Amino acid sequence: MTARTTQAILPVRLPRLGATLARGVRAGRWLFATGLNGAVPGIGLPPSVTGGRSPLAGEPPCKREARALFANAREVLDAAGVGFADCVRIDQYYVGAYAVDPYHEVRREIFAGRIPPSTSNLHRAMPYPGQTQEVQLVAAVPDGEFRAEHLGIATSWSIHASSGYSPALAAGEFLFVPGQTAEARDTALGPLDPEARMPHGHLWKGTPIKLETRFIVEQKLKPSLAAAGASLDDVVKAQVYLRDRADVPAFNEAWRAAFPVPPATAIIPTATPGFIVADGRIEINTISVRQKAAQRVVENGSTVALRAGDLVFLSGLMASDPDGLLADVDEDSQAPFAAIPIKDQVHAIASRAQSLCRQAGADLANLVRLQLFLTDLAELAPAIEAWSSALDGLPLPLSAIGVDWLPVPGTRILADIWVHAP
């Protein structure tokens, strides 16, 4: 029997699905809070957020939603014995740019000027009606010298006061830097940096996604890592947010040029526009482990799982192989009632994830983060049922986001999976 090294924090039972959600997961020296939002878990946005019969009274709705979100986050952190000062990374998704500034106003209050490295981008849809914000948090549980340490490194770009996040943060051997876009280093020359955009008036002098990717890697990521005592060789996990499905092949070429053996990488679709710069095509966030060898599971020249320190990161998983969608996981036009394709795809992903975890010396039962990106959020309920079944009813540290496309035709769900492996 697998030794459990994780503890669900404030689990919420969904009786009609026979499944349980984990509002947080304590895993050794880490606390993961996945799928944070302003809703009452499993119920929806309360009147204190929606405004009930008087929705325009009081603070703007998105600001009320942010307050409820951080109140929920505080409950999880308190239950695990940590606080906002212990957070090492925060990822934010929004359904529209209108939600960002109200959220930022509340975030600055909550973190009191010590905001961890941050990622923010826009997405098509979220599970609860009226929901505009979804957040993922990681916190370090202080123990001796292991704690969140903000690094005051110099950057080649300016961090706007409305964001105010830390340029780098260390926790033990782990290093966190903010998500990076091709926003201009000098705002007078922007919004996209001159090095990241096609020359004005030219139809061909470079490939836009390659220009942005190379710029982010060479002019933002590498200098940030170097200032913090690390390099590209230390990157173990990347989440790559792409606006356009057609950019995937060219991005992969540029990514492989930067990383001959890439880190565990998930390509995640955004809305259009998707980033702080309306014309931007990509944002990249990374986790690095300084001066510590990582155990990789490599297939076809790509890292599909990577163990670093006490965590295992998987590349983004779909019910696919190099030839495309797996057999027997899509609808049968002759007998559409004979299967539930989303459940078949979830079980295929879970089986693959367990195999990769075991190759990396871990077990999927010690799941700490499960981010799901679905082409149809109406399929979330059966997807939750399938994940609960695949994990023998263990509480799911789950976030779900609706997207317009996935890299492999016919796939309905992308999973980004992190696992504890002490």
Protein backbone atom coordinates (compact mmCIF):
# COMPACT_ATOMS: atom_id res chain seq x y z
CA MET A 1 0.00 0.00 0.00
CA THR A 2 1.28 3.47 -0.92
CA ALA A 3 2.60 5.52 1.99
CA ARG A 4 0.62 8.77 2.13
CA THR A 5 2.81 11.82 2.67
CA THR A 6 0.08 14.41 2.12
CA GLN A 7 -2.81 15.70 4.20
CA ALA A 8 -5.98 17.24 2.78
CA ILE A 9 -6.78 20.60 4.35
CA LEU A 10 -10.45 21.53 4.85
CA PRO A 11 -11.85 18.91 2.44
CA VAL A 12 -15.30 19.55 0.97
CA ARG A 13 -17.59 16.65 0.10
CA LEU A 14 -19.65 16.83 -3.11
CA PRO A 15 -22.29 14.22 -2.23
CA ARG A 16 -24.08 14.18 -5.58
CA LEU A 17 -20.79 13.35 -7.31
CA GLY A 18 -19.45 11.05 -4.61
CA ALA A 19 -16.23 13.06 -4.67
CA THR A 20 -14.27 15.28 -2.28
CA LEU A 21 -12.32 18.44 -3.05
CA ALA A 22 -9.23 19.42 -1.04
CA ARG A 23 -9.17 23.16 -0.44
CA GLY A 24 -5.51 22.73 0.43
CA VAL A 25 -2.86 20.04 0.72
CA ARG A 26 -0.08 19.94 3.32
CA ALA A 27 2.89 17.98 1.96
CA GLY A 28 5.92 17.97 4.24
CA ARG A 29 7.44 21.43 4.08
CA TRP A 30 4.87 22.73 1.56
CA LEU A 31 1.28 23.92 1.55
CA PHE A 32 -0.60 23.95 -1.76
CA ALA A 33 -3.91 25.78 -2.13
CA THR A 34 -5.36 25.07 -5.56
CA GLY A 35 -8.55 26.42 -7.10
CA LEU A 36 -9.01 29.35 -4.72
CA ASN A 37 -11.91 31.63 -5.57
CA GLY A 38 -14.62 33.70 -3.92
CA ALA A 39 -17.24 30.94 -3.87
CA VAL A 40 -18.54 28.90 -1.00
CA PRO A 41 -16.87 25.60 -2.01
CA GLY A 42 -19.29 23.40 -3.88
CA ILE A 43 -22.12 25.94 -3.59
CA GLY A 44 -21.30 29.15 -5.47
CA LEU A 45 -20.71 32.85 -5.02
CA PRO A 46 -22.50 34.12 -1.88
CA PRO A 47 -24.69 37.27 -1.77
CA SER A 48 -21.82 39.09 -0.03
CA VAL A 49 -19.98 38.79 -3.36
CA THR A 50 -22.83 39.08 -5.88
CA GLY A 51 -24.60 41.82 -3.93
CA GLY A 52 -27.87 39.90 -3.94
CA ARG A 53 -30.73 42.25 -4.81
CA SER A 54 -28.41 45.28 -4.74
CA PRO A 55 -25.37 44.23 -6.80
CA LEU A 56 -23.99 47.75 -7.29
CA ALA A 57 -24.01 48.76 -3.62
CA GLY A 58 -20.71 48.92 -1.76
CA GLU A 59 -17.39 48.00 -3.32
CA PRO A 60 -17.14 46.95 -6.99
CA PRO A 61 -18.21 43.31 -7.44
CA CYS A 62 -14.74 42.11 -8.51
CA LYS A 63 -13.25 43.68 -5.40
CA ARG A 64 -15.82 41.93 -3.19
CA GLU A 65 -14.98 38.69 -4.99
CA ALA A 66 -11.27 39.20 -4.32
CA ARG A 67 -11.95 39.78 -0.62
CA ALA A 68 -13.94 36.55 -0.44
CA LEU A 69 -11.19 34.73 -2.31
CA PHE A 70 -8.51 35.84 0.11
CA ALA A 71 -10.76 35.08 3.08
CA ASN A 72 -11.03 31.53 1.76
CA ALA A 73 -7.27 31.45 1.22
CA ARG A 74 -6.68 32.62 4.79
CA GLU A 75 -8.80 29.77 6.13
CA VAL A 76 -6.65 27.24 4.27
CA LEU A 77 -3.37 28.83 5.31
CA ASP A 78 -4.47 29.12 8.95
CA ALA A 79 -5.53 25.47 9.01
CA ALA A 80 -2.06 24.48 7.80
CA GLY A 81 -0.26 26.74 10.27
CA VAL A 82 1.15 29.20 7.74
CA GLY A 83 0.34 32.74 6.63
CA PHE A 84 0.45 34.97 3.58
CA ALA A 85 4.05 35.92 4.44
CA ASP A 86 5.00 32.26 3.82
CA CYS A 87 3.66 32.18 0.26
CA VAL A 88 6.28 31.57 -2.42
CA ARG A 89 4.20 31.70 -5.60
CA ILE A 90 0.79 32.94 -6.70
CA ASP A 91 -0.87 32.28 -10.05
CA GLN A 92 -3.98 34.24 -11.06
CA TYR A 93 -6.51 33.65 -13.80
CA TYR A 94 -9.26 36.09 -14.77
CA VAL A 95 -12.16 36.02 -17.23
CA GLY A 96 -11.53 39.64 -18.23
CA ALA A 97 -9.09 42.50 -17.78
CA TYR A 98 -11.77 44.40 -15.83
CA ALA A 99 -11.23 42.03 -12.86
CA VAL A 100 -7.48 42.58 -12.55
CA ASP A 101 -7.14 46.00 -10.90
CA PRO A 102 -9.87 45.41 -8.27
CA TYR A 103 -8.17 42.11 -7.44
CA HIS A 104 -4.75 43.79 -7.27
CA GLU A 105 -6.06 46.41 -4.83
CA VAL A 106 -7.10 43.68 -2.42
CA ARG A 107 -3.95 41.64 -3.00
CA ARG A 108 -1.73 44.58 -2.05
CA GLU A 109 -3.63 44.90 1.23
CA ILE A 110 -3.39 41.20 2.00
CA PHE A 111 0.32 40.82 1.31
CA ALA A 112 1.32 44.24 2.70
CA GLY A 113 3.91 44.85 0.03
CA ARG A 114 5.45 41.36 0.08
CA ILE A 115 3.71 39.74 -2.88
CA PRO A 116 5.36 36.51 -4.07
CA PRO A 117 6.34 35.97 -7.72
CA SER A 118 3.16 36.16 -9.74
CA THR A 119 1.55 34.99 -12.97
CA SER A 120 -1.59 36.60 -14.40
CA ASN A 121 -3.49 35.84 -17.59
CA LEU A 122 -6.99 35.80 -19.02
CA HIS A 123 -9.15 32.73 -19.71
CA ARG A 124 -12.50 32.01 -21.31
CA ALA A 125 -14.56 30.56 -18.48
CA MET A 126 -14.62 29.43 -14.84
CA PRO A 127 -16.83 26.90 -13.05
CA TYR A 128 -19.13 29.10 -10.93
CA PRO A 129 -21.66 31.47 -12.56
CA GLY A 130 -20.36 35.01 -12.16
CA GLN A 131 -16.85 33.91 -11.15
CA THR A 132 -14.10 36.17 -12.52
CA GLN A 133 -11.00 35.06 -10.56
CA GLU A 134 -9.19 31.80 -9.78
CA VAL A 135 -5.93 31.58 -7.82
CA GLN A 136 -3.32 28.94 -7.03
CA LEU A 137 -1.01 29.45 -4.02
CA VAL A 138 2.12 27.67 -2.82
CA ALA A 139 3.52 28.34 0.66
CA ALA A 140 6.67 27.18 2.44
CA VAL A 141 6.14 25.88 5.98
CA PRO A 142 8.96 27.55 7.97
CA ASP A 143 11.39 25.11 9.53
CA GLY A 144 14.88 26.24 10.52
CA GLU A 145 16.52 27.80 7.47
CA PHE A 146 13.72 26.68 5.16
CA ARG A 147 11.38 29.62 4.68
CA ALA A 148 10.17 32.09 2.07
CA GLU A 149 12.99 34.53 1.32
CA HIS A 150 12.26 37.47 -0.97
CA LEU A 151 15.32 38.28 -3.09
CA GLY A 152 15.92 41.93 -3.89
CA ILE A 153 17.53 41.33 -7.27
CA ALA A 154 17.82 43.96 -9.97
CA THR A 155 15.70 43.34 -13.08
CA SER A 156 15.97 44.54 -16.65
CA TRP A 157 12.32 45.56 -16.58
CA SER A 158 10.17 47.60 -14.23
CA ILE A 159 7.53 46.07 -11.96
CA HIS A 160 4.52 48.36 -11.98
CA ALA A 161 3.31 49.50 -8.58
CA SER A 162 -0.17 48.11 -9.28
CA SER A 163 1.36 44.61 -9.37
CA GLY A 164 4.16 45.01 -6.85
CA TYR A 165 5.29 41.39 -6.85
CA SER A 166 8.73 40.18 -5.80
CA PRO A 167 11.25 39.75 -8.65
CA ALA A 168 12.47 36.46 -7.15
CA LEU A 169 11.90 34.33 -4.08
CA ALA A 170 13.79 31.37 -2.65
CA ALA A 171 12.67 28.59 -0.34
CA GLY A 172 15.52 26.20 0.40
CA GLU A 173 16.91 25.00 -2.91
CA PHE A 174 13.78 26.09 -4.81
CA LEU A 175 13.70 29.37 -6.72
CA PHE A 176 10.56 31.11 -7.94
CA VAL A 177 10.52 34.00 -10.43
CA PRO A 178 7.49 35.80 -11.89
CA GLY A 179 5.76 34.79 -15.08
CA GLN A 180 7.32 36.65 -17.98
CA THR A 181 5.76 38.19 -21.09
CA ALA A 182 7.26 40.16 -23.97
CA GLU A 183 6.12 43.45 -22.40
CA ALA A 184 8.65 46.19 -23.19
CA ARG A 185 11.45 46.73 -20.72
CA ASP A 186 11.16 50.46 -21.45
CA THR A 187 7.46 51.30 -21.50
CA ALA A 188 8.18 54.26 -23.78
CA LEU A 189 9.13 51.72 -26.47
CA GLY A 190 6.22 49.36 -25.83
CA PRO A 191 3.83 47.82 -25.30
CA LEU A 192 5.77 44.88 -26.83
CA ASP A 193 9.53 45.16 -26.56
CA PRO A 194 11.21 46.08 -29.87
CA GLU A 195 13.26 42.86 -29.69
CA ALA A 196 10.07 40.81 -29.42
CA ARG A 197 8.05 42.23 -32.31
CA MET A 198 8.19 42.26 -36.06
CA PRO A 199 9.76 45.42 -37.56
CA HIS A 200 7.06 47.98 -38.26
CA GLY A 201 5.44 47.50 -41.65
CA HIS A 202 7.13 44.16 -42.39
CA LEU A 203 5.17 41.00 -43.10
CA TRP A 204 8.14 38.70 -42.71
CA LYS A 205 11.29 39.31 -40.72
CA GLY A 206 10.92 36.64 -38.13
CA THR A 207 8.12 34.52 -36.63
CA PRO A 208 6.19 36.45 -33.95
CA ILE A 209 5.90 33.61 -31.43
CA LYS A 210 9.59 32.78 -31.81
CA LEU A 211 10.56 36.42 -31.33
CA GLU A 212 8.53 36.64 -28.12
CA THR A 213 9.75 33.29 -26.80
CA ARG A 214 13.42 34.07 -27.43
CA PHE A 215 13.05 37.51 -25.90
CA ILE A 216 11.42 36.13 -22.74
CA VAL A 217 14.11 33.46 -22.34
CA GLU A 218 17.15 35.59 -23.20
CA GLN A 219 16.21 39.01 -21.88
CA LYS A 220 14.01 38.24 -18.90
CA LEU A 221 14.29 34.67 -17.63
CA LYS A 222 18.06 34.18 -17.95
CA PRO A 223 19.01 37.50 -16.28
CA SER A 224 16.54 36.91 -13.44
CA LEU A 225 17.86 33.43 -12.78
CA ALA A 226 21.48 34.60 -12.98
CA ALA A 227 20.82 37.41 -10.49
CA ALA A 228 19.37 34.81 -8.11
CA GLY A 229 22.31 32.42 -8.53
CA ALA A 230 20.73 30.01 -11.01
CA SER A 231 20.60 29.32 -14.74
CA LEU A 232 18.39 27.76 -17.40
CA ASP A 233 19.91 24.39 -16.49
CA ASP A 234 18.19 24.68 -13.09
CA VAL A 235 14.66 25.11 -14.47
CA VAL A 236 12.57 22.05 -13.60
CA LYS A 237 9.00 23.14 -14.37
CA ALA A 238 7.46 25.56 -16.86
CA GLN A 239 3.88 26.57 -17.52
CA VAL A 240 3.65 28.14 -20.96
CA TYR A 241 0.51 30.14 -21.65
CA LEU A 242 -0.25 30.52 -25.35
CA ARG A 243 -2.96 32.60 -26.98
CA ASP A 244 -3.01 30.93 -30.41
CA ARG A 245 -3.17 27.20 -31.12
CA ALA A 246 -1.33 27.67 -34.43
CA ASP A 247 1.73 28.95 -32.49
CA VAL A 248 2.37 25.59 -30.79
CA PRO A 249 4.82 24.09 -33.38
CA ALA A 250 6.92 27.26 -33.73
CA PHE A 251 6.95 27.76 -29.97
CA ASN A 252 8.22 24.19 -29.54
CA GLU A 253 11.06 24.90 -31.97
CA ALA A 254 12.11 28.00 -30.04
CA TRP A 255 11.69 26.23 -26.69
CA ARG A 256 13.86 23.31 -27.76
CA ALA A 257 16.52 25.73 -28.98
CA ALA A 258 16.64 27.22 -25.49
CA PHE A 259 16.39 23.86 -23.69
CA PRO A 260 17.81 20.90 -25.66
CA VAL A 261 16.11 18.73 -23.02
CA PRO A 262 13.25 20.93 -21.79
CA PRO A 263 11.93 20.98 -18.23
CA ALA A 264 8.55 19.44 -17.49
CA THR A 265 6.37 21.75 -19.58
CA ALA A 266 2.63 22.34 -19.84
CA ILE A 267 1.24 24.39 -22.74
CA ILE A 268 -1.93 26.09 -21.48
CA PRO A 269 -4.33 28.03 -23.74
CA THR A 270 -5.51 31.51 -22.80
CA ALA A 271 -8.23 33.80 -24.06
CA THR A 272 -7.60 36.37 -26.80
CA PRO A 273 -6.28 38.77 -25.63
CA GLY A 274 -4.64 36.80 -22.86
CA PHE A 275 -1.94 38.96 -21.30
CA ILE A 276 -1.08 42.38 -19.93
CA VAL A 277 -0.07 43.42 -23.45
CA ALA A 278 -3.06 42.94 -25.73
CA ASP A 279 -0.86 41.94 -28.70
CA GLY A 280 1.18 39.46 -26.63
CA ARG A 281 1.11 35.79 -27.55
CA ILE A 282 2.81 34.08 -24.63
CA GLU A 283 3.66 34.09 -20.92
CA ILE A 284 6.12 31.69 -19.28
CA ASN A 285 6.48 30.93 -15.59
CA THR A 286 9.10 28.63 -14.15
CA ILE A 287 10.28 26.85 -11.02
CA SER A 288 13.99 26.17 -10.59
CA VAL A 289 16.04 24.09 -8.19
CA ARG A 290 19.48 25.55 -7.60
CA GLN A 291 22.57 23.35 -7.66
CA LYS A 292 20.66 20.12 -7.32
CA ALA A 293 20.48 17.32 -9.85
CA ALA A 294 17.01 16.45 -11.08
CA GLN A 295 15.79 12.98 -12.03
CA ARG A 296 14.14 13.10 -15.45
CA VAL A 297 11.85 10.74 -17.29
CA VAL A 298 12.53 11.51 -20.96
CA GLU A 299 10.56 10.20 -23.93
CA ASN A 300 11.10 11.16 -27.57
CA GLY A 301 13.58 13.84 -26.45
CA SER A 302 11.08 15.54 -24.14
CA THR A 303 10.88 15.54 -20.36
CA VAL A 304 7.55 13.99 -19.39
CA ALA A 305 8.23 13.84 -15.63
CA LEU A 306 10.90 15.41 -13.47
CA ARG A 307 11.72 14.84 -9.83
CA ALA A 308 13.45 17.74 -8.09
CA GLY A 309 13.89 17.97 -4.36
CA ASP A 310 10.72 16.57 -2.79
CA LEU A 311 8.40 17.31 -5.72
CA VAL A 312 7.62 15.61 -9.03
CA PHE A 313 6.37 17.74 -11.91
CA LEU A 314 4.69 16.22 -14.94
CA SER A 315 4.45 17.81 -18.35
CA GLY A 316 0.92 18.67 -19.41
CA LEU A 317 -1.03 15.48 -20.07
CA MET A 318 -3.85 14.80 -22.52
CA ALA A 319 -5.40 11.52 -23.68
CA SER A 320 -3.00 11.40 -26.59
CA ASP A 321 0.25 9.97 -27.88
CA PRO A 322 2.63 11.26 -30.60
CA ASP A 323 0.12 10.13 -33.25
CA GLY A 324 -2.77 12.12 -31.75
CA LEU A 325 -5.89 11.26 -29.78
CA LEU A 326 -5.83 7.81 -28.21
CA ALA A 327 -8.15 5.17 -29.56
CA ASP A 328 -11.36 4.53 -27.62
CA VAL A 329 -11.50 7.86 -25.79
CA ASP A 330 -13.72 9.86 -28.15
CA GLU A 331 -17.38 9.68 -29.08
CA ASP A 332 -18.62 6.74 -31.16
CA SER A 333 -20.97 8.26 -33.73
CA GLN A 334 -22.66 4.88 -34.16
CA ALA A 335 -23.29 4.42 -30.43
CA PRO A 336 -22.95 7.78 -28.67
CA PHE A 337 -24.73 6.43 -25.59
CA ALA A 338 -22.19 3.65 -25.02
CA ALA A 339 -19.44 5.74 -23.42
CA ILE A 340 -18.69 9.05 -21.70
CA PRO A 341 -15.61 10.35 -23.58
CA ILE A 342 -14.53 12.82 -20.88
CA LYS A 343 -14.39 10.00 -18.34
CA ASP A 344 -12.42 7.82 -20.74
CA GLN A 345 -9.95 10.65 -21.30
CA VAL A 346 -9.55 11.28 -17.57
CA HIS A 347 -8.86 7.60 -16.87
CA ALA A 348 -6.30 7.50 -19.69
CA ILE A 349 -4.54 10.57 -18.27
CA ALA A 350 -4.63 9.24 -14.70
CA SER A 351 -3.16 5.89 -15.80
CA ARG A 352 -0.41 7.67 -17.70
CA ALA A 353 0.28 9.98 -14.78
CA GLN A 354 0.61 7.07 -12.36
CA SER A 355 3.06 5.33 -14.70
CA LEU A 356 5.19 8.48 -14.96
CA CYS A 357 5.08 9.06 -11.21
CA ARG A 358 6.32 5.55 -10.52
CA GLN A 359 9.15 5.97 -13.02
CA ALA A 360 10.13 9.09 -11.07
CA GLY A 361 9.93 7.31 -7.71
CA ALA A 362 6.59 8.79 -6.64
CA ASP A 363 2.92 7.87 -6.46
CA LEU A 364 -0.11 9.73 -7.78
CA ALA A 365 -1.80 9.19 -4.40
CA ASN A 366 0.45 12.01 -3.13
CA LEU A 367 -1.04 14.51 -5.56
CA VAL A 368 -0.66 18.13 -4.43
CA ARG A 369 -1.94 20.07 -7.45
CA LEU A 370 -4.35 19.08 -10.21
CA GLN A 371 -5.04 21.86 -12.70
CA LEU A 372 -7.60 20.96 -15.35
CA PHE A 373 -8.24 22.84 -18.57
CA LEU A 374 -11.42 21.72 -20.35
CA THR A 375 -12.83 22.65 -23.73
CA ASP A 376 -16.33 22.36 -22.23
CA LEU A 377 -16.87 23.13 -18.55
CA ALA A 378 -20.21 21.31 -18.77
CA GLU A 379 -18.06 18.16 -18.61
CA LEU A 380 -16.47 19.14 -15.30
CA ALA A 381 -18.85 17.09 -13.14
CA PRO A 382 -18.17 13.76 -14.91
CA ALA A 383 -14.47 14.68 -15.03
CA ILE A 384 -14.46 15.11 -11.23
CA GLU A 385 -16.25 11.77 -10.85
CA ALA A 386 -13.63 10.11 -13.05
CA TRP A 387 -10.69 11.67 -11.19
CA SER A 388 -12.18 10.64 -7.86
CA SER A 389 -12.61 7.09 -9.13
CA ALA A 390 -9.08 6.98 -10.53
CA LEU A 391 -7.67 8.14 -7.18
CA ASP A 392 -9.83 5.85 -5.03
CA GLY A 393 -11.82 8.72 -3.57
CA LEU A 394 -8.87 10.78 -2.34
CA PRO A 395 -9.63 14.50 -1.93
CA LEU A 396 -8.80 16.35 -5.14
CA PRO A 397 -6.67 19.56 -5.01
CA LEU A 398 -8.41 20.76 -8.14
CA SER A 399 -8.72 23.86 -10.27
CA ALA A 400 -10.79 23.88 -13.46
CA ILE A 401 -10.67 26.45 -16.27
CA GLY A 402 -12.54 26.56 -19.59
CA VAL A 403 -10.40 26.98 -22.72
CA ASP A 404 -11.15 27.34 -26.44
CA TRP A 405 -8.65 24.78 -27.69
CA LEU A 406 -6.12 22.14 -26.72
CA PRO A 407 -2.95 21.24 -28.62
CA VAL A 408 -4.18 17.80 -29.77
CA PRO A 409 -7.42 17.66 -31.82
CA GLY A 410 -10.16 15.68 -30.14
CA THR A 411 -8.78 15.99 -26.62
CA ARG A 412 -11.22 17.48 -24.14
CA ILE A 413 -9.05 17.96 -21.06
CA LEU A 414 -5.47 18.89 -20.20
CA ALA A 415 -4.08 18.07 -16.75
CA ASP A 416 -1.09 19.75 -15.11
CA ILE A 417 -0.07 17.53 -12.19
CA TRP A 418 2.32 18.05 -9.27
CA VAL A 419 3.11 15.29 -6.76
CA HIS A 420 4.91 15.12 -3.41
CA ALA A 421 7.84 12.70 -3.29
CA PRO A 422 9.96 13.10 -0.14
